[in-house]
């Protein structure tokens, strides 16, 4: 009986030794993979940080460009209004003048009062 037990104990010891060797191999493999994982993780973290800074800079640049666009649109609408009004004034002065010098110049009929001696002078100067 002792021989059978020792034989079984040897078989079990061999299995334990094989399992320990396999466990050591798996631990080494796990350590290597953990190292590659850590290097990949640090690389990805640095890339994500760079992308975050890039995104923030592009967002600020986009905001500045939108402000410039808004200012340009405001200036454009102001200039369009001025251009349209100046074009209308030019058209009125060239097409609707009826022998007048320009827009706003009407012929004045000067009436001379008969009871005054000096027609064009104010009252203060005549005294």
C-alpha atoms as a PDB file:
ATOM      1  CA  UNK A   1       0.000   0.000   0.000  1.00  0.00           C
ATOM      2  CA  UNK A   2       2.872   2.316   0.765  1.00  0.00           C
ATOM      3  CA  UNK A   3       4.265   1.789  -2.714  1.00  0.00           C
ATOM      4  CA  UNK A   4       0.979   2.801  -4.305  1.00  0.00           C
ATOM      5  CA  UNK A   5       0.740   5.882  -2.122  1.00  0.00           C
ATOM      6  CA  UNK A   6       4.294   6.934  -2.881  1.00  0.00           C
ATOM      7  CA  UNK A   7       3.657   6.408  -6.584  1.00  0.00           C
ATOM      8  CA  UNK A   8       0.535   8.575  -6.414  1.00  0.00           C
ATOM      9  CA  UNK A   9       2.422  11.178  -4.385  1.00  0.00           C
ATOM     10  CA  UNK A  10       5.136  11.311  -7.061  1.00  0.00           C
ATOM     11  CA  UNK A  11       2.536  11.720  -9.797  1.00  0.00           C
ATOM     12  CA  UNK A  12       0.875  14.510  -7.825  1.00  0.00           C
ATOM     13  CA  UNK A  13       4.286  16.164  -7.216  1.00  0.00           C
ATOM     14  CA  UNK A  14       5.006  16.025 -10.959  1.00  0.00           C
ATOM     15  CA  UNK A  15       1.624  17.599 -11.729  1.00  0.00           C
ATOM     16  CA  UNK A  16       2.261  20.300  -9.112  1.00  0.00           C
ATOM     17  CA  UNK A  17       5.706  20.980 -10.620  1.00  0.00           C
ATOM     18  CA  UNK A  18       4.215  21.233 -14.146  1.00  0.00           C
ATOM     19  CA  UNK A  19       1.448  23.508 -12.874  1.00  0.00           C
ATOM     20  CA  UNK A  20       3.982  25.698 -11.030  1.00  0.00           C
ATOM     21  CA  UNK A  21       6.048  25.973 -14.219  1.00  0.00           C
ATOM     22  CA  UNK A  22       2.930  26.898 -16.208  1.00  0.00           C
ATOM     23  CA  UNK A  23       1.998  29.425 -13.502  1.00  0.00           C
ATOM     24  CA  UNK A  24       5.476  31.000 -13.705  1.00  0.00           C
ATOM     25  CA  UNK A  25       5.198  31.197 -17.496  1.00  0.00           C
ATOM     26  CA  UNK A  26       1.761  32.804 -17.209  1.00  0.00           C
ATOM     27  CA  UNK A  27       3.055  35.289 -14.605  1.00  0.00           C
ATOM     28  CA  UNK A  28       5.936  36.268 -16.895  1.00  0.00           C
ATOM     29  CA  UNK A  29       3.545  36.657 -19.803  1.00  0.00           C
ATOM     30  CA  UNK A  30       1.170  38.709 -17.646  1.00  0.00           C
ATOM     31  CA  UNK A  31       4.028  40.973 -16.499  1.00  0.00           C
ATOM     32  CA  UNK A  32       5.121  41.552 -20.106  1.00  0.00           C
ATOM     33  CA  UNK A  33       1.580  42.333 -21.158  1.00  0.00           C
ATOM     34  CA  UNK A  34       1.140  44.623 -18.174  1.00  0.00           C
ATOM     35  CA  UNK A  35       4.273  46.534 -19.164  1.00  0.00           C
ATOM     36  CA  UNK A  36       3.066  46.907 -22.754  1.00  0.00           C
ATOM     37  CA  UNK A  37      -0.342  47.925 -21.432  1.00  0.00           C
ATOM     38  CA  UNK A  38       1.225  50.591 -19.200  1.00  0.00           C
ATOM     39  CA  UNK A  39       3.358  51.976 -22.040  1.00  0.00           C
ATOM     40  CA  UNK A  40       0.355  52.008 -24.376  1.00  0.00           C
ATOM     41  CA  UNK A  41      -1.760  53.644 -21.689  1.00  0.00           C
ATOM     42  CA  UNK A  42       0.794  56.397 -21.064  1.00  0.00           C
ATOM     43  CA  UNK A  43       1.160  56.979 -24.819  1.00  0.00           C
ATOM     44  CA  UNK A  44      -2.612  57.206 -25.245  1.00  0.00           C
ATOM     45  CA  UNK A  45      -2.923  59.557 -22.268  1.00  0.00           C
ATOM     46  CA  UNK A  46      -0.301  61.891 -23.739  1.00  0.00           C
ATOM     47  CA  UNK A  47      -2.011  61.783 -27.145  1.00  0.00           C
ATOM     48  CA  UNK A  48      -5.393  62.529 -25.590  1.00  0.00           C
ATOM     49  CA  UNK A  49      -3.884  65.438 -23.656  1.00  0.00           C
ATOM     50  CA  UNK A  50      -2.351  66.808 -26.859  1.00  0.00           C
ATOM     51  CA  UNK A  51      -5.674  66.414 -28.654  1.00  0.00           C
ATOM     52  CA  UNK A  52      -7.444  68.189 -25.805  1.00  0.00           C
ATOM     53  CA  UNK A  53      -5.061  71.164 -26.028  1.00  0.00           C
ATOM     54  CA  UNK A  54      -5.413  71.181 -29.814  1.00  0.00           C
ATOM     55  CA  UNK A  55      -9.197  71.153 -29.511  1.00  0.00           C
ATOM     56  CA  UNK A  56      -9.157  74.015 -27.010  1.00  0.00           C
ATOM     57  CA  UNK A  57      -6.914  76.104 -29.250  1.00  0.00           C
ATOM     58  CA  UNK A  58      -9.113  75.435 -32.267  1.00  0.00           C
ATOM     59  CA  UNK A  59     -12.220  76.318 -30.259  1.00  0.00           C
ATOM     60  CA  UNK A  60     -10.699  79.648 -29.211  1.00  0.00           C
ATOM     61  CA  UNK A  61      -9.612  80.317 -32.801  1.00  0.00           C
ATOM     62  CA  UNK A  62     -13.109  79.420 -33.988  1.00  0.00           C
ATOM     63  CA  UNK A  63     -14.599  81.830 -31.445  1.00  0.00           C
ATOM     64  CA  UNK A  64     -12.312  84.627 -32.669  1.00  0.00           C
ATOM     65  CA  UNK A  65     -13.220  83.898 -36.279  1.00  0.00           C
ATOM     66  CA  UNK A  66     -16.935  83.971 -35.434  1.00  0.00           C
ATOM     67  CA  UNK A  67     -16.465  87.367 -33.770  1.00  0.00           C
ATOM     68  CA  UNK A  68     -14.672  88.628 -36.891  1.00  0.00           C
ATOM     69  CA  UNK A  69     -17.491  87.278 -39.073  1.00  0.00           C
ATOM     70  CA  UNK A  70     -20.072  89.033 -36.917  1.00  0.00           C
ATOM     71  CA  UNK A  71     -18.169  92.342 -37.112  1.00  0.00           C
ATOM     72  CA  UNK A  72     -17.777  91.931 -40.863  1.00  0.00           C
ATOM     73  CA  UNK A  73     -21.502  91.227 -41.299  1.00  0.00           C
ATOM     74  CA  UNK A  74     -22.370  94.310 -39.253  1.00  0.00           C
ATOM     75  CA  UNK A  75     -20.003  96.433 -41.331  1.00  0.00           C
ATOM     76  CA  UNK A  76     -21.413  94.942 -44.516  1.00  0.00           C
ATOM     77  CA  UNK A  77     -24.997  95.766 -43.581  1.00  0.00           C
ATOM     78  CA  UNK A  78     -23.979  99.302 -42.610  1.00  0.00           C
ATOM     79  CA  UNK A  79     -22.105  99.768 -45.876  1.00  0.00           C
ATOM     80  CA  UNK A  80     -24.963  98.334 -47.904  1.00  0.00           C
ATOM     81  CA  UNK A  81     -27.337 100.830 -46.340  1.00  0.00           C
ATOM     82  CA  UNK A  82     -24.939 103.677 -47.048  1.00  0.00           C
ATOM     83  CA  UNK A  83     -24.315 102.500 -50.602  1.00  0.00           C
ATOM     84  CA  UNK A  84     -28.008 102.124 -51.312  1.00  0.00           C
ATOM     85  CA  UNK A  85     -28.820 105.559 -49.932  1.00  0.00           C
ATOM     86  CA  UNK A  86     -25.937 107.192 -51.798  1.00  0.00           C
ATOM     87  CA  UNK A  87     -27.001 105.481 -55.022  1.00  0.00           C
ATOM     88  CA  UNK A  88     -30.536 106.750 -54.480  1.00  0.00           C
ATOM     89  CA  UNK A  89     -29.264 110.281 -53.865  1.00  0.00           C
ATOM     90  CA  UNK A  90     -27.123 110.171 -56.986  1.00  0.00           C
ATOM     91  CA  UNK A  91     -30.069 108.967 -59.045  1.00  0.00           C
ATOM     92  CA  UNK A  92     -32.323 111.668 -57.646  1.00  0.00           C
ATOM     93  CA  UNK A  93     -29.795 114.386 -58.322  1.00  0.00           C
ATOM     94  CA  UNK A  94     -29.161 113.257 -61.894  1.00  0.00           C
ATOM     95  CA  UNK A  95     -32.646 112.217 -63.019  1.00  0.00           C
ATOM     96  CA  UNK A  96     -35.027 114.444 -61.159  1.00  0.00           C
ATOM     97  CA  UNK A  97     -33.321 117.831 -61.087  1.00  0.00           C
ATOM     98  CA  UNK A  98     -35.316 119.820 -63.714  1.00  0.00           C
ATOM     99  CA  UNK A  99     -32.526 122.263 -64.393  1.00  0.00           C
ATOM    100  CA  UNK A 100     -31.591 122.654 -60.735  1.00  0.00           C
ATOM    101  CA  UNK A 101     -28.039 122.666 -59.516  1.00  0.00           C
ATOM    102  CA  UNK A 102     -28.468 119.676 -57.237  1.00  0.00           C
ATOM    103  CA  UNK A 103     -30.657 118.089 -54.679  1.00  0.00           C
ATOM    104  CA  UNK A 104     -31.811 120.580 -52.083  1.00  0.00           C
ATOM    105  CA  UNK A 105     -31.174 123.670 -54.186  1.00  0.00           C
ATOM    106  CA  UNK A 106     -34.424 125.387 -54.960  1.00  0.00           C
ATOM    107  CA  UNK A 107     -34.786 128.757 -56.631  1.00  0.00           C
ATOM    108  CA  UNK A 108     -35.663 131.360 -54.074  1.00  0.00           C
ATOM    109  CA  UNK A 109     -37.819 134.253 -54.956  1.00  0.00           C
ATOM    110  CA  UNK A 110     -36.529 137.251 -53.128  1.00  0.00           C
ATOM    111  CA  UNK A 111     -39.065 139.880 -52.331  1.00  0.00           C
ATOM    112  CA  UNK A 112     -37.774 143.294 -51.474  1.00  0.00           C
ATOM    113  CA  UNK A 113     -39.770 145.113 -48.888  1.00  0.00           C
ATOM    114  CA  UNK A 114     -40.566 148.624 -49.928  1.00  0.00           C
ATOM    115  CA  UNK A 115     -40.673 150.183 -46.484  1.00  0.00           C
ATOM    116  CA  UNK A 116     -37.052 149.370 -45.538  1.00  0.00           C
ATOM    117  CA  UNK A 117     -34.062 151.322 -46.598  1.00  0.00           C
ATOM    118  CA  UNK A 118     -31.448 148.599 -46.148  1.00  0.00           C
ATOM    119  CA  UNK A 119     -32.807 145.279 -47.235  1.00  0.00           C
ATOM    120  CA  UNK A 120     -30.171 142.744 -46.245  1.00  0.00           C
ATOM    121  CA  UNK A 121     -28.890 144.166 -42.925  1.00  0.00           C
ATOM    122  CA  UNK A 122     -30.162 143.190 -39.502  1.00  0.00           C
ATOM    123  CA  UNK A 123     -31.746 145.685 -37.153  1.00  0.00           C
ATOM    124  CA  UNK A 124     -28.631 145.971 -34.895  1.00  0.00           C
ATOM    125  CA  UNK A 125     -26.385 147.264 -37.668  1.00  0.00           C
ATOM    126  CA  UNK A 126     -28.847 149.928 -38.869  1.00  0.00           C
ATOM    127  CA  UNK A 127     -28.910 151.759 -35.571  1.00  0.00           C
END
